[in-house]
Amino acid sequence: MLDVNVLPNDVELLKRLLLERDAAVDKRDLTIREKDRHIEHLKFQLARLRRWKFGQASEALESAGQIALSLEEITAAVTNTLNAANAATAEAQKKKGKPVRRKQFPEHFERIDHRIEPHEQACPDCGGEMSELGKPDVAEVIETKTVTFTVKRHIRPKMRCCRCSTIVQAPAAPRPLERSFAGASFLALILVWKYAFHVPLHRQCQIFTHSGLLISRTTLMQWVAGSTQLLGPLVEALARYVLAGKINADDTPVKVLAPGTGKTRTGYLWTYVRDGRPWKSPDPPAVWYRYSPNRRGEHPQRHLRTYKGKLQVDAYAGFEALFLPSAPGRPADIEEVACWAHFRRGLFDLHKANASPTAKETLERIGRLYDLETAIRGQSAELRVAARQQYATPMLRDLHQWLIATRTKVENKSELARAIDYGLNRWQPLTLYTEDGTLEIDNNIAERAVRGVGVGKKNFMFFGSDSGGERAAIAYALIETCKLNRIDPQRYLEYVLQRIAEHPINRIEELLPWNVADKLGQPDQVTQAMAA
């Protein structure tokens, strides 16, 4: 409490004291605001990290991101589960008399009949002769073996002419890798286990040893290197195909062993996807990967130096040079299409961290844009662009005006201001999708393409070198393209590795996955599994 008795009577001195106190108050208020912004930022980062670590992957506004439940909620959930289980048990007992639907196993599985004859050789009642009645009961039980290997022996007899002693012998059968005893099917298995099923080579060695085949990891590494070198020209043809259409691009970090340090550094796998399935394109989807030892913008610029068209990416600054015109007055060869998922993601994390009503309303408005995309997915490009022009464009116009008005009321340097600025600064590339039915509202096509890499790097932890990253990019490109086209990558790689060494290089496109799909003899069950 201020004591007026101690204040001086000098007016000038009082004015100076008042100004000093106001300055101190202003400084304190500024410090408080800075701390509030820092607390808001920390809460935002904490909410994002907790959702990444524990939350659901979905960004649905109502329920995603829940982490901790109260004791009452857990008790209620357990009670409901027990009640549901009891009800299911009672219902099963009521239906006990109904026949059980047996599991149907694929037709290409080997069947081994095990016939179980009755112990009675004669009728137990009268001793009469027994004869089989109708069809026997058959119950199928699935069994398994360890990995089974087949040794193919290439036998080449030498033939000598009895008259002139000329010796004739058939040329040796070509092998995928010279001076190697690995056949195409074995090489395909190693590649698919490593890059599709994410089984590191040292674990593959353990599996093979368990089956009786002793083989070193170094040998497997050499075979992977030789196989991907063979497949390199085919991936170059795949790249030309991908860059001939509208593409989505993204990147993901990978750990790479730094020679001589015993530590790892960060490399990057870049993905470029051509996928027209959302608008019924007749062209098959494909994905192309490239590796780089760092994330400099020079790498995507080199990868896309011949590309002309629309490119959908996130806001990474390394892509920005691609969207600049090559000369003054000329349009850029590559047009940027931005991603609404990245805009929405920042708002979603902010809403979960601070329960921001502004972020919530923005998310609800964006959600209506996504509802429209769900309704028109799989329709023709003409129908999609017409629907967007009729419904999305007015919603975007209102959203833009609302964001501009809201931004004037938001404190600078706050997390909400950053989130809104992200959208306003990219508004033109964000709304470009409404003018072209072949474009998507977000870049999730590319993000899905690096999902397999994300799973794999948790298993093998790091690439042994930059060349290991380049080999991975080749293998991932063909395997993930097979998946997009519902083709078994192991059957495909076996087919290609049997032929590519002697295939004419000027006709390499003939070996792309969709061009040989009908020659692989792929069972329907495999097609269904690849679609899942």
Protein backbone atom coordinates (compact mmCIF):
# COMPACT_ATOMS: atom_id res chain seq x y z
CA MET A 1 0.00 0.00 0.00
CA LEU A 2 1.37 3.36 -1.03
CA ASP A 3 1.84 5.82 1.87
CA VAL A 4 1.04 9.33 0.63
CA ASN A 5 2.89 10.86 3.58
CA VAL A 6 6.25 9.79 2.19
CA LEU A 7 5.66 11.26 -1.26
CA PRO A 8 7.49 14.48 -2.06
CA ASN A 9 5.58 17.73 -2.56
CA ASP A 10 7.62 18.68 -5.63
CA VAL A 11 5.36 18.38 -8.71
CA GLU A 12 8.22 17.72 -11.13
CA LEU A 13 9.60 15.00 -8.88
CA LEU A 14 6.14 13.42 -8.63
CA LYS A 15 5.80 13.41 -12.42
CA ARG A 16 9.17 11.71 -12.77
CA LEU A 17 8.25 9.08 -10.17
CA LEU A 18 4.97 8.45 -11.98
CA LEU A 19 6.72 8.00 -15.30
CA GLU A 20 9.24 5.61 -13.74
CA ARG A 21 6.44 3.58 -12.17
CA ASP A 22 4.54 3.41 -15.49
CA ALA A 23 7.70 2.26 -17.23
CA ALA A 24 8.22 -0.43 -14.60
CA VAL A 25 4.59 -1.56 -14.98
CA ASP A 26 4.92 -1.67 -18.76
CA LYS A 27 8.12 -3.69 -18.45
CA ARG A 28 6.44 -6.09 -16.04
CA ASP A 29 3.42 -6.45 -18.35
CA LEU A 30 5.72 -7.14 -21.29
CA THR A 31 7.54 -9.79 -19.26
CA ILE A 32 4.22 -11.39 -18.29
CA ARG A 33 3.06 -11.43 -21.91
CA GLU A 34 6.34 -13.00 -23.00
CA LYS A 35 5.99 -15.65 -20.31
CA ASP A 36 2.37 -16.29 -21.30
CA ARG A 37 3.44 -16.77 -24.92
CA HIS A 38 6.22 -19.09 -23.79
CA ILE A 39 3.79 -21.10 -21.66
CA GLU A 40 1.35 -21.28 -24.58
CA HIS A 41 4.15 -22.49 -26.86
CA LEU A 42 5.28 -25.12 -24.34
CA LYS A 43 1.71 -26.37 -23.88
CA PHE A 44 1.36 -26.53 -27.66
CA GLN A 45 4.58 -28.52 -28.03
CA LEU A 46 3.65 -30.81 -25.13
CA ALA A 47 0.23 -31.55 -26.62
CA ARG A 48 1.79 -32.30 -30.00
CA LEU A 49 4.43 -34.60 -28.53
CA ARG A 50 1.90 -36.41 -26.35
CA ARG A 51 -0.35 -36.99 -29.35
CA TRP A 52 2.57 -38.25 -31.45
CA LYS A 53 3.64 -40.60 -28.66
CA PHE A 54 0.34 -41.77 -27.18
CA GLY A 55 -2.59 -40.33 -29.12
CA GLN A 56 -4.59 -41.64 -32.03
CA ALA A 57 -3.31 -41.04 -35.53
CA SER A 58 -6.65 -39.58 -36.57
CA GLU A 59 -7.14 -35.83 -36.38
CA ALA A 60 -10.90 -36.03 -35.93
CA LEU A 61 -11.94 -33.04 -33.88
CA GLU A 62 -14.20 -34.73 -31.36
CA SER A 63 -12.23 -37.68 -29.99
CA ALA A 64 -8.67 -37.80 -31.33
CA GLY A 65 -5.71 -37.20 -29.10
CA GLN A 66 -7.22 -38.45 -25.83
CA ILE A 67 -4.44 -39.81 -23.65
CA ALA A 68 -5.34 -40.16 -20.01
CA LEU A 69 -8.64 -41.45 -18.63
CA SER A 70 -9.98 -40.89 -15.15
CA LEU A 71 -10.45 -43.79 -12.74
CA GLU A 72 -14.21 -43.54 -13.17
CA GLU A 73 -13.91 -43.70 -16.98
CA ILE A 74 -11.61 -46.74 -16.80
CA THR A 75 -13.98 -48.49 -14.37
CA ALA A 76 -16.95 -47.76 -16.60
CA ALA A 77 -15.07 -48.99 -19.68
CA VAL A 78 -14.13 -52.26 -17.93
CA THR A 79 -17.71 -52.75 -16.75
CA ASN A 80 -19.08 -52.19 -20.23
CA THR A 81 -16.54 -54.62 -21.67
CA LEU A 82 -17.49 -57.32 -19.16
CA ASN A 83 -21.19 -56.78 -19.79
CA ALA A 84 -20.63 -56.99 -23.53
CA ALA A 85 -18.60 -60.19 -23.10
CA ASN A 86 -21.31 -61.77 -20.92
CA ALA A 87 -23.97 -60.81 -23.45
CA ALA A 88 -21.89 -62.27 -26.27
CA THR A 89 -21.41 -65.50 -24.32
CA ALA A 90 -25.14 -65.79 -23.66
CA GLU A 91 -25.90 -65.13 -27.34
CA ALA A 92 -23.35 -67.75 -28.39
CA GLN A 93 -24.98 -70.32 -26.11
CA LYS A 94 -28.35 -69.61 -27.68
CA LYS A 95 -26.90 -70.20 -31.16
CA LYS A 96 -24.91 -73.26 -30.15
CA GLY A 97 -26.89 -75.51 -32.42
CA LYS A 98 -26.07 -73.52 -35.56
CA PRO A 99 -23.28 -74.85 -37.83
CA VAL A 100 -19.87 -73.19 -37.56
CA ARG A 101 -18.47 -71.62 -40.71
CA ARG A 102 -15.10 -73.21 -41.38
CA LYS A 103 -12.02 -71.22 -42.33
CA GLN A 104 -11.37 -71.46 -46.06
CA PHE A 105 -7.70 -71.83 -46.93
CA PRO A 106 -6.27 -70.76 -50.32
CA GLU A 107 -6.45 -73.36 -53.09
CA HIS A 108 -2.73 -73.12 -53.89
CA PHE A 109 -1.79 -74.45 -50.44
CA GLU A 110 -0.47 -78.01 -50.51
CA ARG A 111 -2.96 -80.55 -49.12
CA ILE A 112 -1.67 -83.63 -47.29
CA ASP A 113 -4.43 -86.14 -46.58
CA HIS A 114 -4.41 -87.88 -43.24
CA ARG A 115 -7.01 -90.64 -43.32
CA ILE A 116 -8.28 -91.83 -39.93
CA GLU A 117 -9.86 -95.28 -40.18
CA PRO A 118 -12.25 -96.57 -37.48
CA HIS A 119 -10.80 -99.07 -35.02
CA GLU A 120 -13.61 -101.53 -35.67
CA GLN A 121 -12.89 -103.80 -38.63
CA ALA A 122 -16.35 -105.44 -38.35
CA CYS A 123 -19.73 -104.29 -37.11
CA PRO A 124 -19.55 -103.98 -33.32
CA ASP A 125 -23.18 -105.13 -33.05
CA CYS A 126 -23.42 -108.14 -35.39
CA GLY A 127 -19.89 -108.69 -36.67
CA GLY A 128 -20.88 -108.02 -40.30
CA GLU A 129 -18.62 -106.58 -43.02
CA MET A 130 -18.32 -102.75 -43.08
CA SER A 131 -18.61 -100.57 -46.22
CA GLU A 132 -18.05 -96.81 -46.62
CA LEU A 133 -21.19 -94.67 -46.33
CA GLY A 134 -21.41 -91.47 -48.39
CA LYS A 135 -18.66 -88.85 -48.32
CA PRO A 136 -16.20 -88.80 -45.41
CA ASP A 137 -16.06 -85.87 -42.98
CA VAL A 138 -13.14 -83.56 -43.81
CA ALA A 139 -11.60 -81.08 -41.37
CA GLU A 140 -8.67 -78.91 -42.45
CA VAL A 141 -5.91 -77.94 -40.00
CA ILE A 142 -3.22 -75.45 -41.00
CA GLU A 143 0.37 -76.60 -40.44
CA THR A 144 3.68 -74.95 -41.30
CA LYS A 145 7.33 -75.71 -41.98
CA THR A 146 10.48 -73.67 -41.63
CA VAL A 147 11.74 -71.85 -44.71
CA THR A 148 12.16 -74.46 -47.42
CA PHE A 149 14.90 -74.15 -50.01
CA THR A 150 15.14 -75.84 -53.40
CA VAL A 151 18.45 -76.54 -55.10
CA LYS A 152 18.11 -76.30 -58.87
CA ARG A 153 20.81 -78.31 -60.62
CA HIS A 154 21.75 -77.10 -64.10
CA ILE A 155 23.11 -80.20 -65.86
CA ARG A 156 24.85 -79.62 -69.20
CA PRO A 157 26.03 -82.81 -70.89
CA LYS A 158 28.85 -82.63 -73.41
CA MET A 159 28.13 -84.31 -76.74
CA ARG A 160 30.95 -85.54 -79.06
CA CYS A 161 30.54 -86.32 -82.70
CA CYS A 162 31.48 -89.94 -83.40
CA ARG A 163 32.72 -89.06 -86.88
CA CYS A 164 34.72 -85.82 -86.45
CA SER A 165 35.01 -85.56 -82.64
CA THR A 166 33.32 -82.14 -82.53
CA ILE A 167 32.19 -81.38 -78.97
CA VAL A 168 28.90 -79.60 -78.39
CA GLN A 169 27.53 -78.30 -75.11
CA ALA A 170 24.61 -75.98 -74.31
CA PRO A 171 25.60 -72.56 -72.92
CA ALA A 172 25.30 -72.11 -69.19
CA ALA A 173 21.97 -70.84 -67.94
CA PRO A 174 22.09 -67.11 -67.20
CA ARG A 175 22.12 -66.09 -63.54
CA PRO A 176 20.90 -62.81 -62.07
CA LEU A 177 24.31 -62.22 -60.46
CA GLU A 178 27.48 -63.56 -62.01
CA ARG A 179 29.42 -66.11 -59.95
CA SER A 180 26.63 -66.25 -57.40
CA PHE A 181 24.62 -69.30 -56.34
CA ALA A 182 21.55 -67.16 -55.48
CA GLY A 183 18.62 -67.67 -57.81
CA ALA A 184 16.08 -64.99 -58.74
CA SER A 185 13.46 -66.26 -56.30
CA PHE A 186 15.95 -66.19 -53.42
CA LEU A 187 17.10 -62.66 -54.26
CA ALA A 188 13.49 -61.51 -54.49
CA LEU A 189 12.74 -63.03 -51.10
CA ILE A 190 15.69 -61.22 -49.49
CA LEU A 191 14.66 -57.86 -50.98
CA VAL A 192 11.01 -58.22 -49.99
CA TRP A 193 11.80 -59.42 -46.48
CA LYS A 194 14.11 -56.44 -45.96
CA TYR A 195 12.18 -53.62 -47.63
CA ALA A 196 8.55 -54.78 -47.51
CA PHE A 197 8.45 -56.83 -44.30
CA HIS A 198 11.31 -54.87 -42.65
CA VAL A 199 13.37 -57.89 -41.58
CA PRO A 200 17.05 -56.83 -41.19
CA LEU A 201 19.65 -58.95 -42.94
CA HIS A 202 21.16 -60.29 -39.74
CA ARG A 203 17.74 -61.63 -38.73
CA GLN A 204 17.33 -63.18 -42.14
CA CYS A 205 20.65 -64.98 -41.57
CA GLN A 206 19.26 -66.37 -38.32
CA ILE A 207 16.12 -67.60 -40.07
CA PHE A 208 18.13 -69.25 -42.84
CA THR A 209 20.45 -70.88 -40.30
CA HIS A 210 17.42 -72.29 -38.50
CA SER A 211 16.46 -73.91 -41.81
CA GLY A 212 19.93 -75.36 -42.32
CA LEU A 213 21.42 -72.78 -44.71
CA LEU A 214 24.54 -71.12 -43.29
CA ILE A 215 25.08 -67.79 -44.97
CA SER A 216 26.75 -64.56 -43.79
CA ARG A 217 25.26 -61.11 -43.62
CA THR A 218 28.09 -59.82 -45.80
CA THR A 219 26.99 -62.17 -48.57
CA LEU A 220 23.40 -60.97 -48.27
CA MET A 221 24.60 -57.37 -48.43
CA GLN A 222 26.51 -58.12 -51.62
CA TRP A 223 23.46 -59.75 -53.14
CA VAL A 224 21.25 -56.76 -52.23
CA ALA A 225 23.81 -54.43 -53.80
CA GLY A 226 24.03 -56.53 -56.97
CA SER A 227 20.26 -56.89 -57.28
CA THR A 228 19.54 -53.19 -56.87
CA GLN A 229 22.27 -52.36 -59.39
CA LEU A 230 20.47 -54.59 -61.88
CA LEU A 231 17.16 -52.92 -61.08
CA GLY A 232 18.56 -49.37 -61.38
CA PRO A 233 17.68 -48.84 -65.08
CA LEU A 234 14.16 -50.10 -64.41
CA VAL A 235 13.71 -47.54 -61.63
CA GLU A 236 14.95 -44.83 -64.00
CA ALA A 237 12.15 -45.82 -66.36
CA LEU A 238 9.75 -45.71 -63.43
CA ALA A 239 10.97 -42.18 -62.64
CA ARG A 240 10.27 -41.02 -66.19
CA TYR A 241 6.75 -42.38 -65.88
CA VAL A 242 6.14 -40.69 -62.51
CA LEU A 243 7.41 -37.32 -63.76
CA ALA A 244 5.08 -37.44 -66.76
CA GLY A 245 2.03 -36.69 -64.58
CA LYS A 246 0.87 -34.59 -61.64
CA ILE A 247 2.92 -35.58 -58.59
CA ASN A 248 2.91 -35.36 -54.80
CA ALA A 249 6.23 -35.06 -52.99
CA ASP A 250 7.45 -35.52 -49.44
CA ASP A 251 10.56 -36.58 -47.53
CA THR A 252 11.37 -38.57 -44.41
CA PRO A 253 14.56 -38.63 -42.32
CA VAL A 254 16.58 -41.82 -41.97
CA LYS A 255 19.61 -42.60 -39.84
CA VAL A 256 22.88 -43.35 -41.65
CA LEU A 257 26.05 -44.67 -40.07
CA ALA A 258 28.83 -42.09 -40.06
CA PRO A 259 32.10 -43.88 -40.96
CA GLY A 260 34.77 -43.92 -38.27
CA THR A 261 32.64 -42.29 -35.56
CA GLY A 262 30.44 -45.11 -34.32
CA LYS A 263 27.52 -42.66 -34.50
CA THR A 264 24.75 -41.95 -36.96
CA ARG A 265 23.83 -38.88 -38.94
CA THR A 266 20.59 -37.96 -40.71
CA GLY A 267 19.94 -38.71 -44.36
CA TYR A 268 16.68 -38.33 -46.26
CA LEU A 269 14.48 -40.37 -48.55
CA TRP A 270 12.45 -38.26 -50.98
CA THR A 271 9.26 -39.67 -52.42
CA TYR A 272 7.47 -38.61 -55.60
CA VAL A 273 4.05 -40.16 -56.24
CA ARG A 274 1.83 -40.24 -59.30
CA ASP A 275 -1.61 -41.53 -58.33
CA GLY A 276 -4.76 -40.67 -60.26
CA ARG A 277 -7.05 -43.24 -58.65
CA PRO A 278 -9.05 -40.60 -56.69
CA TRP A 279 -10.30 -39.22 -60.02
CA LYS A 280 -10.55 -42.51 -61.97
CA SER A 281 -7.40 -42.05 -64.01
CA PRO A 282 -6.69 -45.03 -66.27
CA ASP A 283 -2.95 -44.62 -65.66
CA PRO A 284 -1.47 -46.98 -63.04
CA PRO A 285 -0.17 -45.39 -59.83
CA ALA A 286 3.57 -45.33 -59.16
CA VAL A 287 6.03 -44.01 -56.61
CA TRP A 288 9.68 -43.07 -57.04
CA TYR A 289 12.22 -42.61 -54.24
CA ARG A 290 15.55 -40.85 -54.10
CA TYR A 291 18.11 -40.74 -51.30
CA SER A 292 20.21 -37.75 -50.23
CA PRO A 293 22.75 -37.37 -47.38
CA ASN A 294 21.08 -34.13 -46.19
CA ARG A 295 17.94 -32.05 -46.67
CA ARG A 296 19.25 -29.22 -48.80
CA GLY A 297 16.90 -27.83 -51.40
CA GLU A 298 19.37 -28.67 -54.16
CA HIS A 299 18.26 -32.31 -54.00
CA PRO A 300 14.58 -31.92 -54.98
CA GLN A 301 15.68 -29.31 -57.50
CA ARG A 302 17.98 -31.88 -59.09
CA HIS A 303 15.37 -34.65 -58.94
CA LEU A 304 12.75 -32.45 -60.66
CA ARG A 305 14.96 -30.52 -63.05
CA THR A 306 13.04 -31.86 -66.08
CA TYR A 307 9.59 -31.79 -64.51
CA LYS A 308 6.86 -29.43 -65.68
CA GLY A 309 3.43 -29.39 -64.10
CA LYS A 310 1.74 -29.22 -60.72
CA LEU A 311 3.56 -30.34 -57.59
CA GLN A 312 1.78 -30.83 -54.26
CA VAL A 313 4.07 -30.48 -51.25
CA ASP A 314 4.18 -29.24 -47.67
CA ALA A 315 5.72 -25.90 -46.71
CA TYR A 316 9.37 -27.02 -46.72
CA ALA A 317 11.50 -24.11 -47.92
CA GLY A 318 13.66 -26.39 -50.06
CA PHE A 319 10.85 -26.68 -52.60
CA GLU A 320 10.34 -22.93 -53.01
CA ALA A 321 13.04 -22.49 -55.65
CA LEU A 322 11.12 -24.91 -57.89
CA PHE A 323 8.19 -22.50 -58.10
CA LEU A 324 10.20 -19.50 -59.32
CA PRO A 325 10.06 -18.56 -63.03
CA SER A 326 13.12 -19.41 -65.07
CA ALA A 327 13.09 -15.93 -66.63
CA PRO A 328 11.34 -12.61 -65.88
CA GLY A 329 7.86 -12.47 -67.33
CA ARG A 330 7.63 -16.23 -67.80
CA PRO A 331 5.45 -18.52 -65.69
CA ALA A 332 7.23 -21.08 -63.56
CA ASP A 333 7.60 -24.57 -65.00
CA ILE A 334 6.30 -26.06 -61.74
CA GLU A 335 3.15 -24.79 -60.03
CA GLU A 336 2.82 -25.21 -56.27
CA VAL A 337 -0.18 -26.96 -54.73
CA ALA A 338 -0.25 -26.63 -50.95
CA CYS A 339 -1.54 -29.10 -48.37
CA TRP A 340 -4.59 -28.47 -46.19
CA ALA A 341 -3.58 -31.31 -43.84
CA HIS A 342 -0.49 -29.36 -42.75
CA PHE A 343 -2.57 -26.22 -42.16
CA ARG A 344 -5.17 -28.21 -40.22
CA ARG A 345 -2.56 -30.11 -38.19
CA GLY A 346 -1.17 -27.00 -36.52
CA LEU A 347 -4.66 -25.81 -35.60
CA PHE A 348 -5.57 -29.24 -34.28
CA ASP A 349 -2.53 -29.38 -31.98
CA LEU A 350 -3.27 -25.85 -30.81
CA HIS A 351 -6.89 -26.71 -30.03
CA LYS A 352 -5.84 -29.79 -28.06
CA ALA A 353 -3.24 -27.81 -26.13
CA ASN A 354 -5.25 -24.70 -25.22
CA ALA A 355 -8.88 -25.47 -26.15
CA SER A 356 -8.75 -22.46 -28.46
CA PRO A 357 -12.26 -21.56 -29.69
CA THR A 358 -10.76 -19.84 -32.74
CA ALA A 359 -8.81 -22.96 -33.66
CA LYS A 360 -11.92 -25.08 -33.11
CA GLU A 361 -14.07 -22.97 -35.40
CA THR A 362 -11.37 -23.00 -38.09
CA LEU A 363 -11.15 -26.78 -37.83
CA GLU A 364 -14.91 -27.09 -38.18
CA ARG A 365 -14.85 -24.95 -41.32
CA ILE A 366 -11.99 -27.01 -42.78
CA GLY A 367 -13.86 -30.18 -41.81
CA ARG A 368 -16.74 -29.18 -44.10
CA LEU A 369 -14.25 -28.92 -46.99
CA TYR A 370 -13.09 -32.47 -46.22
CA ASP A 371 -16.69 -33.71 -46.05
CA LEU A 372 -17.11 -32.58 -49.65
CA GLU A 373 -13.90 -34.36 -50.68
CA THR A 374 -15.15 -37.57 -49.11
CA ALA A 375 -18.37 -37.32 -51.11
CA ILE A 376 -16.65 -36.82 -54.48
CA ARG A 377 -13.67 -39.16 -54.03
CA GLY A 378 -13.50 -41.65 -56.88
CA GLN A 379 -15.54 -39.47 -59.25
CA SER A 380 -14.34 -38.07 -62.55
CA ALA A 381 -12.14 -34.98 -62.64
CA GLU A 382 -14.91 -32.99 -64.35
CA LEU A 383 -17.43 -33.81 -61.63
CA ARG A 384 -14.92 -33.09 -58.87
CA VAL A 385 -14.00 -29.63 -60.14
CA ALA A 386 -17.68 -28.75 -60.71
CA ALA A 387 -18.59 -29.77 -57.15
CA ARG A 388 -15.67 -27.82 -55.72
CA GLN A 389 -16.57 -24.70 -57.68
CA GLN A 390 -20.17 -24.90 -56.52
CA TYR A 391 -19.64 -25.78 -52.85
CA ALA A 392 -16.01 -25.42 -51.77
CA THR A 393 -15.26 -22.04 -53.37
CA PRO A 394 -17.94 -20.13 -51.38
CA MET A 395 -16.82 -21.84 -48.17
CA LEU A 396 -13.19 -20.92 -48.88
CA ARG A 397 -14.15 -17.31 -49.59
CA ASP A 398 -15.94 -17.03 -46.24
CA LEU A 399 -13.08 -18.79 -44.45
CA HIS A 400 -10.53 -16.41 -45.96
CA GLN A 401 -12.45 -13.32 -44.86
CA TRP A 402 -12.97 -14.76 -41.40
CA LEU A 403 -9.26 -15.59 -41.00
CA ILE A 404 -8.24 -12.07 -42.04
CA ALA A 405 -10.68 -10.52 -39.56
CA THR A 406 -9.61 -12.90 -36.81
CA ARG A 407 -5.91 -12.31 -37.39
CA THR A 408 -6.25 -8.61 -36.52
CA LYS A 409 -7.49 -9.62 -33.06
CA VAL A 410 -4.76 -12.14 -32.34
CA GLU A 411 -1.53 -11.18 -30.62
CA ASN A 412 1.56 -11.35 -32.80
CA LYS A 413 4.08 -14.14 -32.15
CA SER A 414 1.40 -16.32 -30.53
CA GLU A 415 0.93 -19.91 -31.67
CA LEU A 416 -2.52 -19.05 -33.01
CA ALA A 417 -1.06 -16.20 -35.06
CA ARG A 418 1.55 -18.55 -36.52
CA ALA A 419 -1.12 -21.12 -37.39
CA ILE A 420 -3.33 -18.56 -39.12
CA ASP A 421 -0.40 -16.97 -40.95
CA TYR A 422 0.55 -20.39 -42.32
CA GLY A 423 -2.77 -20.53 -44.17
CA LEU A 424 -3.03 -16.88 -45.19
CA ASN A 425 0.51 -16.80 -46.61
CA ARG A 426 -0.25 -19.85 -48.77
CA TRP A 427 -3.84 -19.13 -49.66
CA GLN A 428 -3.44 -19.23 -53.43
CA PRO A 429 -1.68 -22.64 -53.58
CA LEU A 430 -4.07 -23.91 -50.88
CA THR A 431 -7.12 -23.09 -53.02
CA LEU A 432 -5.65 -24.19 -56.35
CA TYR A 433 -7.20 -27.65 -55.94
CA THR A 434 -10.66 -26.18 -56.59
CA GLU A 435 -9.64 -25.33 -60.17
CA ASP A 436 -8.42 -28.80 -61.18
CA GLY A 437 -10.25 -32.06 -60.54
CA THR A 438 -7.02 -34.06 -60.78
CA LEU A 439 -5.63 -32.36 -57.66
CA GLU A 440 -6.18 -33.41 -54.04
CA ILE A 441 -7.01 -31.24 -51.05
CA ASP A 442 -3.91 -32.44 -49.20
CA ASN A 443 -0.61 -34.22 -49.64
CA ASN A 444 -1.62 -37.43 -47.84
CA ILE A 445 -0.86 -39.46 -50.98
CA ALA A 446 2.86 -38.73 -50.50
CA GLU A 447 2.69 -39.13 -46.73
CA ARG A 448 1.23 -42.62 -47.14
CA ALA A 449 4.07 -43.49 -49.52
CA VAL A 450 6.69 -42.98 -46.78
CA ARG A 451 4.73 -44.94 -44.18
CA GLY A 452 6.51 -48.18 -45.04
CA VAL A 453 9.87 -46.47 -44.68
CA GLY A 454 8.81 -45.25 -41.25
CA VAL A 455 8.04 -48.79 -40.12
CA GLY A 456 11.25 -50.16 -41.61
CA LYS A 457 13.63 -47.69 -39.98
CA LYS A 458 12.33 -48.74 -36.55
CA ASN A 459 13.53 -52.27 -37.28
CA PHE A 460 16.90 -51.86 -38.97
CA MET A 461 17.62 -48.56 -37.14
CA PHE A 462 20.08 -47.14 -39.70
CA PHE A 463 21.58 -47.53 -43.17
CA GLY A 464 25.20 -48.61 -43.17
CA SER A 465 26.24 -45.94 -45.68
CA ASP A 466 24.94 -43.49 -48.27
CA SER A 467 25.09 -46.25 -50.87
CA GLY A 468 22.82 -48.28 -48.59
CA GLY A 469 20.30 -45.46 -48.72
CA GLU A 470 20.51 -45.37 -52.52
CA ARG A 471 19.92 -49.13 -52.69
CA ALA A 472 16.94 -48.78 -50.38
CA ALA A 473 15.45 -46.09 -52.62
CA ILE A 474 15.60 -48.46 -55.62
CA ALA A 475 14.02 -51.35 -53.74
CA TYR A 476 11.33 -49.22 -52.12
CA ALA A 477 10.35 -47.71 -55.47
CA LEU A 478 9.53 -51.07 -57.07
CA ILE A 479 8.04 -52.68 -53.96
CA GLU A 480 5.76 -49.77 -53.06
CA THR A 481 4.69 -49.37 -56.71
CA CYS A 482 3.71 -53.06 -56.71
CA LYS A 483 1.63 -52.46 -53.60
CA LEU A 484 -0.16 -49.52 -55.20
CA ASN A 485 -1.06 -51.77 -58.15
CA ARG A 486 -2.01 -54.78 -55.97
CA ILE A 487 0.87 -56.87 -57.30
CA ASP A 488 2.84 -59.30 -55.16
CA PRO A 489 6.31 -57.66 -55.02
CA GLN A 490 8.10 -60.97 -54.46
CA ARG A 491 6.59 -62.61 -57.55
CA TYR A 492 7.30 -59.46 -59.54
CA LEU A 493 10.94 -59.13 -58.47
CA GLU A 494 11.55 -62.81 -59.16
CA TYR A 495 10.12 -62.39 -62.68
CA VAL A 496 12.22 -59.28 -63.36
CA LEU A 497 15.48 -60.60 -61.90
CA GLN A 498 15.23 -63.69 -64.10
CA ARG A 499 15.13 -61.52 -67.23
CA ILE A 500 16.51 -58.04 -66.70
CA ALA A 501 20.20 -58.90 -67.24
CA GLU A 502 19.53 -59.85 -70.86
CA HIS A 503 16.55 -57.57 -71.52
CA PRO A 504 17.12 -54.82 -74.14
CA ILE A 505 17.75 -51.55 -72.34
CA ASN A 506 15.74 -49.59 -74.91
CA ARG A 507 12.66 -51.67 -74.00
CA ILE A 508 13.11 -51.57 -70.23
CA GLU A 509 9.60 -50.09 -69.77
CA GLU A 510 8.21 -53.50 -70.71
CA LEU A 511 9.27 -54.74 -67.25
CA LEU A 512 7.36 -52.12 -65.24
CA PRO A 513 4.95 -53.78 -62.78
CA TRP A 514 1.68 -53.13 -64.61
CA ASN A 515 3.14 -54.39 -67.90
CA VAL A 516 3.93 -57.86 -66.52
CA ALA A 517 1.13 -58.27 -63.96
CA ASP A 518 -0.74 -60.77 -66.13
CA LYS A 519 2.38 -62.98 -66.41
CA LEU A 520 2.98 -63.48 -62.69
CA GLY A 521 0.36 -66.16 -61.99
CA GLN A 522 -0.73 -64.30 -58.88
CA PRO A 523 -3.52 -66.00 -56.86
CA ASP A 524 -6.64 -63.99 -55.99
CA GLN A 525 -5.81 -64.22 -52.29
CA VAL A 526 -2.56 -62.32 -52.87
CA THR A 527 -4.41 -59.60 -54.77
CA GLN A 528 -6.90 -59.24 -51.92
CA ALA A 529 -4.08 -59.11 -49.35
CA MET A 530 -2.28 -56.37 -51.29
CA ALA A 531 -5.51 -54.35 -51.42
CA ALA A 532 -6.00 -54.56 -47.66
